[in-house]
């Protein structure tokens, strides 16, 4: 998963005509570390998407703009619009994440 290091890169990536998935996380977040333990297999299964991550604490204005209240959260963007959002409460197991991605 490629890390997003600045706002300009984020804006460029989400304007893709193909859906992209962005994982919002923070270094201090235990649920984010738990997701890190299983997300690689899910990324392989859903390899038709490009995957990125962004540190919510480094870019609070982006998190606020897209209603990221809890982490980890997976947001799906296409053509600059958020088209799906898996909130942290529903992103705790591989099954929850897989089920969410299966609806895209």
N, C-alpha and C. Protein backbone atom coordinates (compact mmCIF):
# COMPACT_ATOMS: atom_id res chain seq x y z
N UNK A 1 0.86 -1.17 0.00
CA UNK A 1 0.00 0.00 0.00
C UNK A 1 0.90 1.23 0.00
N UNK A 2 0.65 2.11 -0.91
CA UNK A 2 1.47 3.31 -1.04
C UNK A 2 0.98 4.41 -0.11
N UNK A 3 1.91 5.02 0.61
CA UNK A 3 1.57 6.10 1.53
C UNK A 3 1.40 7.42 0.78
N UNK A 4 0.38 8.16 1.16
CA UNK A 4 0.15 9.49 0.61
C UNK A 4 0.85 10.48 1.54
N UNK A 5 1.74 11.28 0.99
CA UNK A 5 2.58 12.16 1.81
C UNK A 5 2.22 13.64 1.70
N UNK A 6 1.30 14.01 0.79
CA UNK A 6 0.90 15.42 0.72
C UNK A 6 -0.51 15.54 0.13
N UNK A 7 -1.09 16.68 0.38
CA UNK A 7 -2.48 16.93 -0.04
C UNK A 7 -2.64 16.89 -1.55
N UNK A 8 -1.64 17.40 -2.27
CA UNK A 8 -1.72 17.43 -3.74
C UNK A 8 -1.79 16.01 -4.31
N UNK A 9 -0.97 15.12 -3.76
CA UNK A 9 -0.99 13.72 -4.22
C UNK A 9 -2.34 13.10 -3.94
N UNK A 10 -2.88 13.34 -2.75
CA UNK A 10 -4.20 12.82 -2.41
C UNK A 10 -5.23 13.28 -3.44
N UNK A 11 -5.26 14.58 -3.71
CA UNK A 11 -6.24 15.13 -4.65
C UNK A 11 -6.08 14.53 -6.05
N UNK A 12 -4.84 14.34 -6.48
CA UNK A 12 -4.59 13.73 -7.79
C UNK A 12 -5.09 12.29 -7.84
N UNK A 13 -4.80 11.52 -6.79
CA UNK A 13 -5.16 10.11 -6.78
C UNK A 13 -6.66 9.89 -6.78
N UNK A 14 -7.39 10.68 -6.03
CA UNK A 14 -8.83 10.43 -5.92
C UNK A 14 -9.60 10.87 -7.15
N UNK A 15 -8.96 11.58 -8.07
CA UNK A 15 -9.67 12.00 -9.28
C UNK A 15 -9.60 10.95 -10.38
N UNK A 16 -9.03 9.80 -10.08
CA UNK A 16 -8.94 8.71 -11.05
C UNK A 16 -10.33 8.30 -11.54
N UNK A 17 -10.40 7.91 -12.81
CA UNK A 17 -11.66 7.39 -13.35
C UNK A 17 -11.93 5.98 -12.83
N UNK A 18 -10.90 5.31 -12.38
CA UNK A 18 -11.04 3.99 -11.76
C UNK A 18 -11.12 4.17 -10.25
N UNK A 19 -11.91 3.37 -9.56
CA UNK A 19 -11.99 3.52 -8.11
C UNK A 19 -10.64 3.26 -7.43
N UNK A 20 -10.33 4.06 -6.44
CA UNK A 20 -9.14 3.87 -5.61
C UNK A 20 -9.58 3.77 -4.16
N UNK A 21 -8.84 2.98 -3.38
CA UNK A 21 -9.16 2.79 -1.97
C UNK A 21 -8.08 3.47 -1.14
N UNK A 22 -8.53 4.27 -0.18
CA UNK A 22 -7.61 4.96 0.72
C UNK A 22 -7.93 4.53 2.15
N UNK A 23 -6.91 4.01 2.82
CA UNK A 23 -7.04 3.63 4.23
C UNK A 23 -6.56 4.80 5.08
N UNK A 24 -7.44 5.31 5.92
CA UNK A 24 -7.08 6.35 6.89
C UNK A 24 -6.65 5.64 8.18
N UNK A 25 -5.51 6.03 8.72
CA UNK A 25 -4.97 5.40 9.92
C UNK A 25 -4.23 6.45 10.76
N UNK A 26 -3.72 6.00 11.90
CA UNK A 26 -2.83 6.82 12.74
C UNK A 26 -1.82 5.89 13.39
N UNK A 27 -0.67 6.43 13.69
CA UNK A 27 0.40 5.62 14.28
C UNK A 27 0.04 5.05 15.64
N UNK A 28 -0.77 5.75 16.39
CA UNK A 28 -1.11 5.33 17.75
C UNK A 28 -2.30 4.36 17.83
N UNK A 29 -2.89 4.03 16.70
CA UNK A 29 -4.17 3.31 16.65
C UNK A 29 -4.00 1.79 16.69
N UNK A 30 -4.45 1.13 17.78
CA UNK A 30 -4.31 -0.33 17.85
C UNK A 30 -5.17 -1.07 16.81
N UNK A 31 -6.35 -0.55 16.50
CA UNK A 31 -7.18 -1.20 15.48
C UNK A 31 -6.54 -1.10 14.10
N UNK A 32 -5.79 -0.05 13.87
CA UNK A 32 -5.07 0.09 12.60
C UNK A 32 -3.99 -0.99 12.49
N UNK A 33 -3.29 -1.25 13.58
CA UNK A 33 -2.26 -2.31 13.58
C UNK A 33 -2.90 -3.66 13.35
N UNK A 34 -4.07 -3.87 13.93
CA UNK A 34 -4.78 -5.13 13.73
C UNK A 34 -5.15 -5.29 12.25
N UNK A 35 -5.66 -4.22 11.63
CA UNK A 35 -6.00 -4.29 10.22
C UNK A 35 -4.76 -4.58 9.38
N UNK A 36 -3.63 -4.00 9.76
CA UNK A 36 -2.39 -4.23 9.02
C UNK A 36 -2.03 -5.70 8.97
N UNK A 37 -2.46 -6.48 9.96
CA UNK A 37 -2.13 -7.90 10.01
C UNK A 37 -2.88 -8.70 8.95
N UNK A 38 -4.04 -8.20 8.48
CA UNK A 38 -4.81 -8.97 7.50
C UNK A 38 -5.04 -8.26 6.17
N UNK A 39 -4.68 -7.01 6.05
CA UNK A 39 -5.06 -6.25 4.85
C UNK A 39 -4.31 -6.69 3.59
N UNK A 40 -3.09 -7.22 3.73
CA UNK A 40 -2.33 -7.62 2.54
C UNK A 40 -3.06 -8.69 1.74
N UNK A 41 -3.62 -9.67 2.41
CA UNK A 41 -4.36 -10.73 1.71
C UNK A 41 -5.59 -10.17 1.02
N UNK A 42 -6.25 -9.23 1.66
CA UNK A 42 -7.43 -8.61 1.06
C UNK A 42 -7.04 -7.77 -0.16
N UNK A 43 -5.91 -7.08 -0.05
CA UNK A 43 -5.43 -6.30 -1.20
C UNK A 43 -5.14 -7.21 -2.39
N UNK A 44 -4.61 -8.40 -2.14
CA UNK A 44 -4.37 -9.35 -3.22
C UNK A 44 -5.68 -9.80 -3.85
N UNK A 45 -6.66 -10.09 -3.01
CA UNK A 45 -7.97 -10.55 -3.50
C UNK A 45 -8.67 -9.45 -4.32
N UNK A 46 -8.49 -8.21 -3.92
CA UNK A 46 -9.13 -7.08 -4.59
C UNK A 46 -8.07 -6.24 -5.31
N UNK A 47 -7.23 -6.93 -6.07
CA UNK A 47 -6.10 -6.27 -6.73
C UNK A 47 -6.52 -5.41 -7.92
N UNK A 48 -7.81 -5.45 -8.28
CA UNK A 48 -8.28 -4.58 -9.36
C UNK A 48 -8.30 -3.12 -8.93
N UNK A 49 -8.17 -2.88 -7.62
CA UNK A 49 -8.15 -1.52 -7.10
C UNK A 49 -6.73 -1.10 -6.77
N UNK A 50 -6.48 0.19 -6.86
CA UNK A 50 -5.23 0.75 -6.37
C UNK A 50 -5.46 1.14 -4.91
N UNK A 51 -4.50 0.79 -4.05
CA UNK A 51 -4.63 0.97 -2.61
C UNK A 51 -3.63 2.00 -2.12
N UNK A 52 -4.08 2.89 -1.25
CA UNK A 52 -3.23 3.92 -0.66
C UNK A 52 -3.57 4.05 0.81
N UNK A 53 -2.65 4.62 1.56
CA UNK A 53 -2.99 4.95 2.94
C UNK A 53 -2.53 6.37 3.26
N UNK A 54 -3.22 6.94 4.24
CA UNK A 54 -2.93 8.31 4.65
C UNK A 54 -3.08 8.39 6.16
N UNK A 55 -2.15 9.10 6.79
CA UNK A 55 -2.18 9.28 8.23
C UNK A 55 -3.15 10.42 8.56
N UNK A 56 -4.22 10.06 9.24
CA UNK A 56 -5.27 11.03 9.59
C UNK A 56 -4.71 12.19 10.42
N UNK A 57 -3.74 11.90 11.28
CA UNK A 57 -3.19 12.95 12.13
C UNK A 57 -2.34 13.95 11.34
N UNK A 58 -1.75 13.52 10.25
CA UNK A 58 -0.93 14.41 9.43
C UNK A 58 -1.78 15.28 8.51
N UNK A 59 -3.01 14.81 8.21
CA UNK A 59 -3.89 15.54 7.30
C UNK A 59 -5.31 15.62 7.87
N UNK A 60 -5.45 16.28 9.04
CA UNK A 60 -6.78 16.34 9.67
C UNK A 60 -7.82 17.03 8.80
N UNK A 61 -7.41 17.97 7.95
CA UNK A 61 -8.38 18.67 7.10
C UNK A 61 -8.99 17.73 6.06
N UNK A 62 -8.21 16.78 5.57
CA UNK A 62 -8.74 15.80 4.61
C UNK A 62 -9.70 14.87 5.33
N UNK A 63 -9.30 14.38 6.51
CA UNK A 63 -10.16 13.49 7.28
C UNK A 63 -11.48 14.17 7.61
N UNK A 64 -11.43 15.43 7.99
CA UNK A 64 -12.65 16.17 8.32
C UNK A 64 -13.53 16.36 7.09
N UNK A 65 -12.92 16.70 5.97
CA UNK A 65 -13.68 16.94 4.74
C UNK A 65 -14.47 15.70 4.32
N UNK A 66 -13.89 14.52 4.55
CA UNK A 66 -14.53 13.28 4.11
C UNK A 66 -15.16 12.49 5.25
N UNK A 67 -15.42 13.15 6.37
CA UNK A 67 -16.14 12.57 7.51
C UNK A 67 -15.49 11.32 8.08
N UNK A 68 -14.17 11.33 8.17
CA UNK A 68 -13.46 10.22 8.80
C UNK A 68 -13.39 10.51 10.29
N UNK A 69 -14.30 9.89 11.03
CA UNK A 69 -14.39 10.13 12.47
C UNK A 69 -13.62 9.09 13.26
N UNK A 70 -13.50 7.89 12.73
CA UNK A 70 -12.79 6.81 13.41
C UNK A 70 -11.81 6.16 12.46
N UNK A 71 -10.83 5.50 13.05
CA UNK A 71 -9.83 4.83 12.23
C UNK A 71 -9.61 3.42 12.76
N UNK A 72 -9.23 2.49 11.91
CA UNK A 72 -9.02 2.68 10.48
C UNK A 72 -10.35 2.79 9.75
N UNK A 73 -10.33 3.54 8.69
CA UNK A 73 -11.48 3.63 7.79
C UNK A 73 -10.99 3.46 6.37
N UNK A 74 -11.78 2.78 5.56
CA UNK A 74 -11.47 2.64 4.15
C UNK A 74 -12.46 3.47 3.36
N UNK A 75 -11.95 4.36 2.53
CA UNK A 75 -12.79 5.19 1.68
C UNK A 75 -12.47 4.87 0.23
N UNK A 76 -13.50 4.83 -0.57
CA UNK A 76 -13.34 4.55 -1.99
C UNK A 76 -13.71 5.81 -2.75
N UNK A 77 -12.81 6.21 -3.65
CA UNK A 77 -13.01 7.43 -4.44
C UNK A 77 -12.99 7.09 -5.92
N UNK A 78 -13.76 7.86 -6.66
CA UNK A 78 -13.77 7.76 -8.12
C UNK A 78 -14.16 9.13 -8.66
N UNK A 79 -13.38 9.60 -9.63
CA UNK A 79 -13.65 10.90 -10.24
C UNK A 79 -13.76 12.02 -9.21
N UNK A 80 -12.95 11.93 -8.15
CA UNK A 80 -12.91 12.99 -7.14
C UNK A 80 -14.01 12.93 -6.10
N UNK A 81 -14.87 11.93 -6.17
CA UNK A 81 -15.99 11.81 -5.23
C UNK A 81 -15.82 10.58 -4.36
N UNK A 82 -16.19 10.69 -3.08
CA UNK A 82 -16.22 9.53 -2.20
C UNK A 82 -17.45 8.71 -2.57
N UNK A 83 -17.23 7.45 -2.98
CA UNK A 83 -18.37 6.62 -3.39
C UNK A 83 -18.71 5.54 -2.37
N UNK A 84 -17.81 5.30 -1.41
CA UNK A 84 -18.09 4.32 -0.36
C UNK A 84 -17.18 4.61 0.83
N UNK A 85 -17.65 4.20 2.02
CA UNK A 85 -16.91 4.50 3.26
C UNK A 85 -17.16 3.37 4.24
N UNK A 86 -16.11 2.66 4.59
CA UNK A 86 -16.19 1.64 5.64
C UNK A 86 -15.67 2.26 6.92
N UNK A 87 -16.58 2.54 7.84
CA UNK A 87 -16.22 3.18 9.10
C UNK A 87 -15.48 2.21 10.02
N UNK A 88 -14.70 2.76 10.89
CA UNK A 88 -13.84 1.97 11.78
C UNK A 88 -14.59 0.90 12.57
N UNK A 89 -15.78 1.19 13.01
CA UNK A 89 -16.54 0.22 13.81
C UNK A 89 -16.85 -1.04 13.02
N UNK A 90 -16.88 -0.92 11.70
CA UNK A 90 -17.21 -2.05 10.83
C UNK A 90 -16.00 -2.57 10.07
N UNK A 91 -14.80 -2.19 10.51
CA UNK A 91 -13.58 -2.57 9.80
C UNK A 91 -12.61 -3.32 10.70
N UNK A 92 -13.15 -4.11 11.62
CA UNK A 92 -12.30 -4.76 12.61
C UNK A 92 -11.88 -6.17 12.23
N UNK A 93 -12.55 -6.78 11.26
CA UNK A 93 -12.21 -8.16 10.89
C UNK A 93 -12.02 -8.26 9.38
N UNK A 94 -11.28 -9.28 8.95
CA UNK A 94 -11.12 -9.48 7.50
C UNK A 94 -12.47 -9.70 6.82
N UNK A 95 -13.38 -10.37 7.50
CA UNK A 95 -14.69 -10.65 6.92
C UNK A 95 -15.48 -9.36 6.68
N UNK A 96 -15.42 -8.43 7.62
CA UNK A 96 -16.12 -7.16 7.45
C UNK A 96 -15.56 -6.38 6.27
N UNK A 97 -14.25 -6.36 6.14
CA UNK A 97 -13.62 -5.61 5.05
C UNK A 97 -13.94 -6.27 3.72
N UNK A 98 -13.84 -7.58 3.66
CA UNK A 98 -14.13 -8.32 2.42
C UNK A 98 -15.58 -8.12 2.00
N UNK A 99 -16.49 -8.19 2.96
CA UNK A 99 -17.91 -7.99 2.66
C UNK A 99 -18.15 -6.59 2.08
N UNK A 100 -17.54 -5.57 2.69
CA UNK A 100 -17.66 -4.20 2.20
C UNK A 100 -17.15 -4.09 0.76
N UNK A 101 -15.97 -4.62 0.50
CA UNK A 101 -15.38 -4.50 -0.83
C UNK A 101 -16.17 -5.29 -1.86
N UNK A 102 -16.82 -6.35 -1.43
CA UNK A 102 -17.65 -7.14 -2.34
C UNK A 102 -18.87 -6.40 -2.83
N UNK A 103 -19.23 -5.32 -2.15
CA UNK A 103 -20.41 -4.54 -2.56
C UNK A 103 -20.07 -3.45 -3.58
N UNK A 104 -18.79 -3.26 -3.85
CA UNK A 104 -18.38 -2.18 -4.76
C UNK A 104 -18.68 -2.54 -6.20
